[in-house]
All heavy atoms as atom14 arrays in JSON, in Angstrom:
{
  "sequence": "QKVTKIGKDAFCDIVVKGWKIGKTAATISRTRDGYFFSYVNGWAK",
  "atom14_mask": [
    [1, 1, 1, 1, 1, 1, 1, 1, 1, 0, 0, 0, 0, 0],
    [1, 1, 1, 1, 1, 1, 1, 1, 1, 0, 0, 0, 0, 0],
    [1, 1, 1, 1, 1, 1, 1, 0, 0, 0, 0, 0, 0, 0],
    [1, 1, 1, 1, 1, 1, 1, 0, 0, 0, 0, 0, 0, 0],
    [1, 1, 1, 1, 1, 1, 1, 1, 1, 0, 0, 0, 0, 0],
    [1, 1, 1, 1, 1, 1, 1, 1, 0, 0, 0, 0, 0, 0],
    [1, 1, 1, 1, 0, 0, 0, 0, 0, 0, 0, 0, 0, 0],
    [1, 1, 1, 1, 1, 1, 1, 1, 1, 0, 0, 0, 0, 0],
    [1, 1, 1, 1, 1, 1, 1, 1, 0, 0, 0, 0, 0, 0],
    [1, 1, 1, 1, 1, 0, 0, 0, 0, 0, 0, 0, 0, 0],
    [1, 1, 1, 1, 1, 1, 1, 1, 1, 1, 1, 0, 0, 0],
    [1, 1, 1, 1, 1, 1, 0, 0, 0, 0, 0, 0, 0, 0],
    [1, 1, 1, 1, 1, 1, 1, 1, 0, 0, 0, 0, 0, 0],
    [1, 1, 1, 1, 1, 1, 1, 1, 0, 0, 0, 0, 0, 0],
    [1, 1, 1, 1, 1, 1, 1, 0, 0, 0, 0, 0, 0, 0],
    [1, 1, 1, 1, 1, 1, 1, 0, 0, 0, 0, 0, 0, 0],
    [1, 1, 1, 1, 1, 1, 1, 1, 1, 0, 0, 0, 0, 0],
    [1, 1, 1, 1, 0, 0, 0, 0, 0, 0, 0, 0, 0, 0],
    [1, 1, 1, 1, 1, 1, 1, 1, 1, 1, 1, 1, 1, 1],
    [1, 1, 1, 1, 1, 1, 1, 1, 1, 0, 0, 0, 0, 0],
    [1, 1, 1, 1, 1, 1, 1, 1, 0, 0, 0, 0, 0, 0],
    [1, 1, 1, 1, 0, 0, 0, 0, 0, 0, 0, 0, 0, 0],
    [1, 1, 1, 1, 1, 1, 1, 1, 1, 0, 0, 0, 0, 0],
    [1, 1, 1, 1, 1, 1, 1, 0, 0, 0, 0, 0, 0, 0],
    [1, 1, 1, 1, 1, 0, 0, 0, 0, 0, 0, 0, 0, 0],
    [1, 1, 1, 1, 1, 0, 0, 0, 0, 0, 0, 0, 0, 0],
    [1, 1, 1, 1, 1, 1, 1, 0, 0, 0, 0, 0, 0, 0],
    [1, 1, 1, 1, 1, 1, 1, 1, 0, 0, 0, 0, 0, 0],
    [1, 1, 1, 1, 1, 1, 0, 0, 0, 0, 0, 0, 0, 0],
    [1, 1, 1, 1, 1, 1, 1, 1, 1, 1, 1, 0, 0, 0],
    [1, 1, 1, 1, 1, 1, 1, 0, 0, 0, 0, 0, 0, 0],
    [1, 1, 1, 1, 1, 1, 1, 1, 1, 1, 1, 0, 0, 0],
    [1, 1, 1, 1, 1, 1, 1, 1, 0, 0, 0, 0, 0, 0],
    [1, 1, 1, 1, 0, 0, 0, 0, 0, 0, 0, 0, 0, 0],
    [1, 1, 1, 1, 1, 1, 1, 1, 1, 1, 1, 1, 0, 0],
    [1, 1, 1, 1, 1, 1, 1, 1, 1, 1, 1, 0, 0, 0],
    [1, 1, 1, 1, 1, 1, 1, 1, 1, 1, 1, 0, 0, 0],
    [1, 1, 1, 1, 1, 1, 0, 0, 0, 0, 0, 0, 0, 0],
    [1, 1, 1, 1, 1, 1, 1, 1, 1, 1, 1, 1, 0, 0],
    [1, 1, 1, 1, 1, 1, 1, 0, 0, 0, 0, 0, 0, 0],
    [1, 1, 1, 1, 1, 1, 1, 1, 0, 0, 0, 0, 0, 0],
    [1, 1, 1, 1, 0, 0, 0, 0, 0, 0, 0, 0, 0, 0],
    [1, 1, 1, 1, 1, 1, 1, 1, 1, 1, 1, 1, 1, 1],
    [1, 1, 1, 1, 1, 0, 0, 0, 0, 0, 0, 0, 0, 0],
    [1, 1, 1, 1, 1, 1, 1, 1, 1, 0, 0, 0, 0, 0]
  ],
  "atom14_positions": [
    [[-153.95, -40.01, -87.89], [-153.07, -40.52, -86.85], [-152.02, -41.47, -87.43], [-152.22, -42.06, -88.49], [-153.88, -41.25, -85.78], [-154.97, -40.39, -85.14], [-155.72, -41.17, -84.08], [-155.51, -40.99, -82.9], [-156.61, -42.05, -84.51], [0.0, 0.0, 0.0], [0.0, 0.0, 0.0], [0.0, 0.0, 0.0], [0.0, 0.0, 0.0], [0.0, 0.0, 0.0]],
    [[-150.94, -41.64, -86.69], [-149.94, -42.61, -87.11], [-150.5, -44.02, -87.06], [-150.16, -44.86, -87.88], [-148.68, -42.5, -86.22], [-147.84, -41.26, -86.49], [-146.7, -41.16, -85.51], [-145.6, -42.17, -85.77], [-144.8, -41.83, -86.95], [0.0, 0.0, 0.0], [0.0, 0.0, 0.0], [0.0, 0.0, 0.0], [0.0, 0.0, 0.0], [0.0, 0.0, 0.0]],
    [[-151.37, -44.28, -86.08], [-151.98, -45.61, -85.95], [-153.47, -45.43, -85.71], [-153.88, -44.78, -84.75], [-151.36, -46.41, -84.79], [-152.0, -47.8, -84.72], [-149.86, -46.53, -84.95], [0.0, 0.0, 0.0], [0.0, 0.0, 0.0], [0.0, 0.0, 0.0], [0.0, 0.0, 0.0], [0.0, 0.0, 0.0], [0.0, 0.0, 0.0], [0.0, 0.0, 0.0]],
    [[-154.29, -45.99, -86.59], [-155.74, -46.02, -86.41], [-156.13, -47.43, -85.99], [-155.78, -48.39, -86.67], [-156.46, -45.64, -87.72], [-156.09, -44.3, -88.09], [-157.96, -45.72, -87.56], [0.0, 0.0, 0.0], [0.0, 0.0, 0.0], [0.0, 0.0, 0.0], [0.0, 0.0, 0.0], [0.0, 0.0, 0.0], [0.0, 0.0, 0.0], [0.0, 0.0, 0.0]],
    [[-156.83, -47.54, -84.88], [-157.14, -48.86, -84.3], [-158.59, -49.24, -84.6], [-159.49, -48.42, -84.5], [-156.89, -48.83, -82.79], [-155.43, -48.6, -82.44], [-155.25, -48.21, -81.01], [-155.83, -46.85, -80.7], [-155.27, -45.76, -81.53], [0.0, 0.0, 0.0], [0.0, 0.0, 0.0], [0.0, 0.0, 0.0], [0.0, 0.0, 0.0], [0.0, 0.0, 0.0]],
    [[-158.76, -50.52, -84.93], [-160.08, -51.07, -85.24], [-160.32, -52.25, -84.31], [-159.48, -53.15, -84.2], [-160.16, -51.54, -86.7], [-159.76, -50.41, -87.67], [-161.57, -52.05, -87.03], [-159.58, -50.87, -89.11], [0.0, 0.0, 0.0], [0.0, 0.0, 0.0], [0.0, 0.0, 0.0], [0.0, 0.0, 0.0], [0.0, 0.0, 0.0], [0.0, 0.0, 0.0]],
    [[-161.46, -52.28, -83.61], [-161.76, -53.39, -82.71], [-162.95, -53.08, -81.83], [-163.61, -52.06, -81.99], [0.0, 0.0, 0.0], [0.0, 0.0, 0.0], [0.0, 0.0, 0.0], [0.0, 0.0, 0.0], [0.0, 0.0, 0.0], [0.0, 0.0, 0.0], [0.0, 0.0, 0.0], [0.0, 0.0, 0.0], [0.0, 0.0, 0.0], [0.0, 0.0, 0.0]],
    [[-163.23, -53.98, -80.89], [-164.42, -53.8, -80.05], [-164.14, -52.99, -78.79], [-165.08, -52.61, -78.09], [-165.0, -55.17, -79.67], [-164.14, -56.03, -78.77], [-164.84, -57.36, -78.51], [-164.01, -58.3, -77.65], [-164.67, -59.61, -77.46], [0.0, 0.0, 0.0], [0.0, 0.0, 0.0], [0.0, 0.0, 0.0], [0.0, 0.0, 0.0], [0.0, 0.0, 0.0]],
    [[-162.87, -52.7, -78.49], [-162.54, -51.85, -77.34], [-163.09, -50.44, -77.6], [-162.96, -49.9, -78.7], [-161.03, -51.8, -77.15], [-160.65, -51.2, -75.8], [-161.08, -50.08, -75.5], [-159.9, -51.86, -75.06], [0.0, 0.0, 0.0], [0.0, 0.0, 0.0], [0.0, 0.0, 0.0], [0.0, 0.0, 0.0], [0.0, 0.0, 0.0], [0.0, 0.0, 0.0]],
    [[-163.7, -49.85, -76.57], [-164.29, -48.52, -76.71], [-163.25, -47.46, -77.06], [-163.59, -46.39, -77.57], [-165.03, -48.13, -75.44], [0.0, 0.0, 0.0], [0.0, 0.0, 0.0], [0.0, 0.0, 0.0], [0.0, 0.0, 0.0], [0.0, 0.0, 0.0], [0.0, 0.0, 0.0], [0.0, 0.0, 0.0], [0.0, 0.0, 0.0], [0.0, 0.0, 0.0]],
    [[-161.96, -47.72, -76.78], [-160.9, -46.78, -77.07], [-160.44, -46.84, -78.53], [-159.63, -46.02, -78.96], [-159.69, -47.0, -76.15], [-159.89, -46.45, -74.76], [-160.38, -47.25, -73.76], [-159.6, -45.13, -74.48], [-160.57, -46.75, -72.47], [-159.78, -44.61, -73.22], [-160.28, -45.42, -72.2], [0.0, 0.0, 0.0], [0.0, 0.0, 0.0], [0.0, 0.0, 0.0]],
    [[-160.94, -47.82, -79.29], [-160.55, -47.92, -80.7], [-161.15, -46.76, -81.5], [-162.19, -46.21, -81.15], [-161.02, -49.25, -81.29], [-160.03, -50.67, -80.75], [0.0, 0.0, 0.0], [0.0, 0.0, 0.0], [0.0, 0.0, 0.0], [0.0, 0.0, 0.0], [0.0, 0.0, 0.0], [0.0, 0.0, 0.0], [0.0, 0.0, 0.0], [0.0, 0.0, 0.0]],
    [[-160.48, -46.4, -82.58], [-160.96, -45.32, -83.44], [-162.17, -45.76, -84.26], [-163.07, -44.97, -84.54], [-159.83, -44.86, -84.37], [-158.59, -44.45, -83.59], [-158.66, -43.43, -82.89], [-157.58, -45.18, -83.66], [0.0, 0.0, 0.0], [0.0, 0.0, 0.0], [0.0, 0.0, 0.0], [0.0, 0.0, 0.0], [0.0, 0.0, 0.0], [0.0, 0.0, 0.0]],
    [[-162.17, -47.02, -84.68], [-163.32, -47.6, -85.37], [-163.78, -48.8, -84.54], [-163.06, -49.79, -84.42], [-162.95, -48.06, -86.8], [-162.49, -46.86, -87.64], [-164.12, -48.76, -87.47], [-161.95, -47.23, -89.0], [0.0, 0.0, 0.0], [0.0, 0.0, 0.0], [0.0, 0.0, 0.0], [0.0, 0.0, 0.0], [0.0, 0.0, 0.0], [0.0, 0.0, 0.0]],
    [[-164.94, -48.68, -83.93], [-165.44, -49.72, -83.02], [-166.31, -50.7, -83.81], [-167.25, -50.3, -84.5], [-166.23, -49.11, -81.86], [-166.8, -50.21, -80.96], [-165.34, -48.17, -81.04], [0.0, 0.0, 0.0], [0.0, 0.0, 0.0], [0.0, 0.0, 0.0], [0.0, 0.0, 0.0], [0.0, 0.0, 0.0], [0.0, 0.0, 0.0], [0.0, 0.0, 0.0]],
    [[-165.96, -51.98, -83.71], [-166.71, -53.06, -84.36], [-167.19, -54.01, -83.27], [-166.38, -54.57, -82.52], [-165.83, -53.82, -85.38], [-166.64, -54.93, -86.05], [-165.27, -52.86, -86.43], [0.0, 0.0, 0.0], [0.0, 0.0, 0.0], [0.0, 0.0, 0.0], [0.0, 0.0, 0.0], [0.0, 0.0, 0.0], [0.0, 0.0, 0.0], [0.0, 0.0, 0.0]],
    [[-168.48, -54.2, -83.16], [-169.03, -55.04, -82.1], [-169.11, -56.5, -82.54], [-169.16, -56.81, -83.72], [-170.42, -54.53, -81.71], [-170.4, -53.14, -81.08], [-171.78, -52.69, -80.66], [-171.73, -51.31, -80.02], [-173.09, -50.85, -79.61], [0.0, 0.0, 0.0], [0.0, 0.0, 0.0], [0.0, 0.0, 0.0], [0.0, 0.0, 0.0], [0.0, 0.0, 0.0]],
    [[-169.11, -57.39, -81.53], [-169.2, -58.82, -81.81], [-168.21, -59.6, -80.96], [-167.06, -59.16, -80.78], [0.0, 0.0, 0.0], [0.0, 0.0, 0.0], [0.0, 0.0, 0.0], [0.0, 0.0, 0.0], [0.0, 0.0, 0.0], [0.0, 0.0, 0.0], [0.0, 0.0, 0.0], [0.0, 0.0, 0.0], [0.0, 0.0, 0.0], [0.0, 0.0, 0.0]],
    [[-168.62, -60.75, -80.44], [-167.74, -61.5, -79.53], [-166.53, -62.09, -80.25], [-165.51, -62.37, -79.63], [-168.52, -62.61, -78.83], [-168.96, -63.75, -79.7], [-170.11, -63.87, -80.4], [-168.22, -64.96, -79.95], [-170.17, -65.05, -81.09], [-169.01, -65.75, -80.82], [-166.99, -65.45, -79.53], [-168.6, -67.0, -81.28], [-166.58, -66.69, -79.99], [-167.38, -67.45, -80.84]],
    [[-166.61, -62.25, -81.57], [-165.47, -62.78, -82.33], [-164.43, -61.71, -82.67], [-163.35, -62.02, -83.16], [-165.95, -63.44, -83.62], [-166.72, -64.74, -83.41], [-167.05, -65.38, -84.74], [-167.75, -66.73, -84.55], [-168.04, -67.37, -85.86], [0.0, 0.0, 0.0], [0.0, 0.0, 0.0], [0.0, 0.0, 0.0], [0.0, 0.0, 0.0], [0.0, 0.0, 0.0]],
    [[-164.76, -60.45, -82.41], [-163.88, -59.34, -82.76], [-162.87, -59.1, -81.63], [-163.24, -59.07, -80.46], [-164.68, -58.05, -83.01], [-165.77, -58.29, -84.06], [-163.75, -56.91, -83.45], [-165.26, -58.7, -85.4], [0.0, 0.0, 0.0], [0.0, 0.0, 0.0], [0.0, 0.0, 0.0], [0.0, 0.0, 0.0], [0.0, 0.0, 0.0], [0.0, 0.0, 0.0]],
    [[-161.6, -58.95, -81.95], [-160.58, -58.68, -80.94], [-160.72, -57.29, -80.36], [-161.29, -56.38, -80.99], [0.0, 0.0, 0.0], [0.0, 0.0, 0.0], [0.0, 0.0, 0.0], [0.0, 0.0, 0.0], [0.0, 0.0, 0.0], [0.0, 0.0, 0.0], [0.0, 0.0, 0.0], [0.0, 0.0, 0.0], [0.0, 0.0, 0.0], [0.0, 0.0, 0.0]],
    [[-160.2, -57.09, -79.14], [-160.22, -55.76, -78.54], [-159.56, -54.75, -79.47], [-160.06, -53.66, -79.68], [-159.52, -55.77, -77.18], [-160.31, -56.45, -76.09], [-159.65, -56.28, -74.73], [-160.51, -56.87, -73.63], [-159.88, -56.68, -72.29], [0.0, 0.0, 0.0], [0.0, 0.0, 0.0], [0.0, 0.0, 0.0], [0.0, 0.0, 0.0], [0.0, 0.0, 0.0]],
    [[-158.38, -55.1, -79.96], [-157.78, -54.38, -81.08], [-157.63, -55.4, -82.19], [-156.67, -56.17, -82.21], [-156.42, -53.76, -80.71], [-156.59, -52.87, -79.6], [-155.84, -52.99, -81.88], [0.0, 0.0, 0.0], [0.0, 0.0, 0.0], [0.0, 0.0, 0.0], [0.0, 0.0, 0.0], [0.0, 0.0, 0.0], [0.0, 0.0, 0.0], [0.0, 0.0, 0.0]],
    [[-158.6, -55.44, -83.09], [-158.62, -56.47, -84.12], [-157.61, -56.2, -85.22], [-157.01, -57.12, -85.77], [-160.02, -56.59, -84.71], [0.0, 0.0, 0.0], [0.0, 0.0, 0.0], [0.0, 0.0, 0.0], [0.0, 0.0, 0.0], [0.0, 0.0, 0.0], [0.0, 0.0, 0.0], [0.0, 0.0, 0.0], [0.0, 0.0, 0.0], [0.0, 0.0, 0.0]],
    [[-157.42, -54.92, -85.53], [-156.52, -54.55, -86.63], [-156.1, -53.1, -86.47], [-156.7, -52.34, -85.7], [-157.21, -54.74, -87.98], [0.0, 0.0, 0.0], [0.0, 0.0, 0.0], [0.0, 0.0, 0.0], [0.0, 0.0, 0.0], [0.0, 0.0, 0.0], [0.0, 0.0, 0.0], [0.0, 0.0, 0.0], [0.0, 0.0, 0.0], [0.0, 0.0, 0.0]],
    [[-155.06, -52.73, -87.19], [-154.6, -51.34, -87.18], [-154.31, -50.9, -88.61], [-154.01, -51.73, -89.49], [-153.31, -51.16, -86.36], [-152.26, -51.96, -86.92], [-153.52, -51.55, -84.9], [0.0, 0.0, 0.0], [0.0, 0.0, 0.0], [0.0, 0.0, 0.0], [0.0, 0.0, 0.0], [0.0, 0.0, 0.0], [0.0, 0.0, 0.0], [0.0, 0.0, 0.0]],
    [[-154.4, -49.61, -88.83], [-153.96, -49.0, -90.09], [-152.88, -48.0, -89.73], [-153.13, -47.05, -88.98], [-155.11, -48.31, -90.84], [-156.2, -49.33, -91.2], [-154.59, -47.62, -92.1], [-157.43, -48.71, -91.83], [0.0, 0.0, 0.0], [0.0, 0.0, 0.0], [0.0, 0.0, 0.0], [0.0, 0.0, 0.0], [0.0, 0.0, 0.0], [0.0, 0.0, 0.0]],
    [[-151.66, -48.22, -90.22], [-150.52, -47.37, -89.88], [-150.2, -46.42, -91.02], [-150.12, -46.83, -92.18], [-149.28, -48.23, -89.57], [-149.53, -49.06, -88.46], [0.0, 0.0, 0.0], [0.0, 0.0, 0.0], [0.0, 0.0, 0.0], [0.0, 0.0, 0.0], [0.0, 0.0, 0.0], [0.0, 0.0, 0.0], [0.0, 0.0, 0.0], [0.0, 0.0, 0.0]],
    [[-150.01, -45.15, -90.68], [-149.62, -44.13, -91.66], [-148.1, -44.05, -91.71], [-147.46, -43.81, -90.7], [-150.21, -42.77, -91.28], [-149.82, -41.64, -92.23], [-150.58, -40.36, -91.87], [-150.21, -39.84, -90.57], [-149.18, -39.02, -90.36], [-148.42, -38.65, -91.36], [-148.92, -38.58, -89.15], [0.0, 0.0, 0.0], [0.0, 0.0, 0.0], [0.0, 0.0, 0.0]],
    [[-147.51, -44.27, -92.87], [-146.05, -44.26, -93.01], [-145.67, -43.38, -94.2], [-146.52, -42.88, -94.94], [-145.51, -45.68, -93.25], [-145.77, -46.06, -94.61], [-146.15, -46.69, -92.3], [0.0, 0.0, 0.0], [0.0, 0.0, 0.0], [0.0, 0.0, 0.0], [0.0, 0.0, 0.0], [0.0, 0.0, 0.0], [0.0, 0.0, 0.0], [0.0, 0.0, 0.0]],
    [[-144.38, -43.23, -94.4], [-143.88, -42.47, -95.55], [-144.28, -43.11, -96.87], [-144.42, -42.44, -97.88], [-142.34, -42.36, -95.49], [-141.82, -41.44, -94.41], [-140.3, -41.4, -94.46], [-139.74, -40.61, -93.37], [-139.54, -39.31, -93.42], [-139.84, -38.64, -94.52], [-139.03, -38.67, -92.39], [0.0, 0.0, 0.0], [0.0, 0.0, 0.0], [0.0, 0.0, 0.0]],
    [[-144.46, -44.44, -96.85], [-144.77, -45.16, -98.07], [-146.26, -45.37, -98.29], [-146.65, -46.08, -99.21], [-144.07, -46.53, -98.06], [-142.56, -46.38, -98.25], [-142.14, -45.25, -98.57], [-141.84, -47.37, -98.06], [0.0, 0.0, 0.0], [0.0, 0.0, 0.0], [0.0, 0.0, 0.0], [0.0, 0.0, 0.0], [0.0, 0.0, 0.0], [0.0, 0.0, 0.0]],
    [[-147.09, -44.79, -97.42], [-148.53, -44.96, -97.56], [-149.14, -45.54, -96.3], [-148.63, -45.37, -95.2], [0.0, 0.0, 0.0], [0.0, 0.0, 0.0], [0.0, 0.0, 0.0], [0.0, 0.0, 0.0], [0.0, 0.0, 0.0], [0.0, 0.0, 0.0], [0.0, 0.0, 0.0], [0.0, 0.0, 0.0], [0.0, 0.0, 0.0], [0.0, 0.0, 0.0]],
    [[-150.23, -46.25, -96.47], [-150.97, -46.83, -95.34], [-150.88, -48.34, -95.37], [-151.03, -48.97, -96.42], [-152.44, -46.39, -95.4], [-152.64, -44.93, -95.06], [-152.5, -43.94, -96.03], [-152.95, -44.53, -93.77], [-152.67, -42.6, -95.72], [-153.13, -43.2, -93.44], [-152.98, -42.24, -94.42], [-153.14, -40.91, -94.11], [0.0, 0.0, 0.0], [0.0, 0.0, 0.0]],
    [[-150.65, -48.94, -94.18], [-150.5, -50.39, -94.07], [-151.53, -50.93, -93.09], [-151.68, -50.42, -91.97], [-149.09, -50.76, -93.6], [-148.03, -50.58, -94.65], [-147.5, -49.32, -94.91], [-147.59, -51.65, -95.4], [-146.53, -49.14, -95.88], [-146.62, -51.48, -96.38], [-146.09, -50.22, -96.62], [0.0, 0.0, 0.0], [0.0, 0.0, 0.0], [0.0, 0.0, 0.0]],
    [[-152.22, -51.99, -93.5], [-153.22, -52.66, -92.67], [-152.58, -53.86, -92.0], [-151.9, -54.65, -92.65], [-154.4, -53.11, -93.54], [-155.51, -53.77, -92.77], [-156.58, -53.02, -92.3], [-155.49, -55.13, -92.52], [-157.61, -53.62, -91.59], [-156.51, -55.74, -91.81], [-157.57, -54.98, -91.34], [0.0, 0.0, 0.0], [0.0, 0.0, 0.0], [0.0, 0.0, 0.0]],
    [[-152.79, -54.0, -90.67], [-152.24, -55.14, -89.92], [-153.34, -55.82, -89.12], [-154.06, -55.15, -88.35], [-151.14, -54.69, -88.96], [-150.04, -54.14, -89.65], [0.0, 0.0, 0.0], [0.0, 0.0, 0.0], [0.0, 0.0, 0.0], [0.0, 0.0, 0.0], [0.0, 0.0, 0.0], [0.0, 0.0, 0.0], [0.0, 0.0, 0.0], [0.0, 0.0, 0.0]],
    [[-153.5, -57.12, -89.29], [-154.4, -57.92, -88.45], [-153.69, -58.19, -87.13], [-152.53, -58.6, -87.1], [-154.74, -59.23, -89.16], [-155.3, -60.31, -88.27], [-156.43, -60.1, -87.5], [-154.69, -61.56, -88.2], [-156.94, -61.09, -86.68], [-155.18, -62.57, -87.41], [-156.31, -62.32, -86.64], [-156.8, -63.32, -85.83], [0.0, 0.0, 0.0], [0.0, 0.0, 0.0]],
    [[-154.38, -57.94, -86.01], [-153.77, -58.1, -84.69], [-154.26, -59.36, -84.0], [-153.5, -60.27, -83.71], [-154.03, -56.85, -83.81], [-153.4, -57.03, -82.41], [-153.47, -55.6, -84.47], [0.0, 0.0, 0.0], [0.0, 0.0, 0.0], [0.0, 0.0, 0.0], [0.0, 0.0, 0.0], [0.0, 0.0, 0.0], [0.0, 0.0, 0.0], [0.0, 0.0, 0.0]],
    [[-155.57, -59.43, -83.7], [-156.1, -60.64, -83.07], [-157.62, -60.69, -83.2], [-158.24, -59.78, -83.76], [-155.68, -60.73, -81.58], [-156.28, -59.6, -80.75], [-157.13, -58.85, -81.21], [-155.83, -59.48, -79.52], [0.0, 0.0, 0.0], [0.0, 0.0, 0.0], [0.0, 0.0, 0.0], [0.0, 0.0, 0.0], [0.0, 0.0, 0.0], [0.0, 0.0, 0.0]],
    [[-158.2, -61.79, -82.68], [-159.64, -61.99, -82.75], [-159.99, -63.17, -83.64], [-159.23, -63.53, -84.55], [0.0, 0.0, 0.0], [0.0, 0.0, 0.0], [0.0, 0.0, 0.0], [0.0, 0.0, 0.0], [0.0, 0.0, 0.0], [0.0, 0.0, 0.0], [0.0, 0.0, 0.0], [0.0, 0.0, 0.0], [0.0, 0.0, 0.0], [0.0, 0.0, 0.0]],
    [[-161.14, -63.79, -83.35], [-161.57, -64.95, -84.12], [-162.01, -64.55, -85.52], [-161.86, -65.32, -86.48], [-162.73, -65.66, -83.4], [-162.31, -66.38, -82.16], [-162.41, -65.94, -80.88], [-161.69, -67.67, -82.1], [-161.9, -66.86, -80.01], [-161.46, -67.94, -80.72], [-161.32, -68.62, -83.05], [-160.86, -69.12, -80.3], [-160.73, -69.8, -82.62], [-160.51, -70.04, -81.25]],
    [[-162.59, -63.36, -85.64], [-163.05, -62.9, -86.95], [-161.88, -62.26, -87.7], [-161.48, -61.13, -87.41], [-164.18, -61.88, -86.77], [0.0, 0.0, 0.0], [0.0, 0.0, 0.0], [0.0, 0.0, 0.0], [0.0, 0.0, 0.0], [0.0, 0.0, 0.0], [0.0, 0.0, 0.0], [0.0, 0.0, 0.0], [0.0, 0.0, 0.0], [0.0, 0.0, 0.0]],
    [[-161.32, -63.0, -88.63], [-160.17, -62.48, -89.38], [-160.62, -61.52, -90.47], [-161.56, -61.81, -91.21], [-159.36, -63.63, -89.98], [-158.67, -64.49, -88.94], [-157.77, -65.51, -89.58], [-157.02, -66.32, -88.52], [-156.11, -67.32, -89.12], [0.0, 0.0, 0.0], [0.0, 0.0, 0.0], [0.0, 0.0, 0.0], [0.0, 0.0, 0.0], [0.0, 0.0, 0.0]]
  ]
}
């Protein structure tokens, strides 16, 4: 996918449980130059 979502929301592609985890904690974006990881939110960085 262009954007792979990581977080505790059930709609995320990679679900990580825990109250410190953001609903969408991070994303991995597919681009022409490769893959980029972005921190979005949540107490657990």
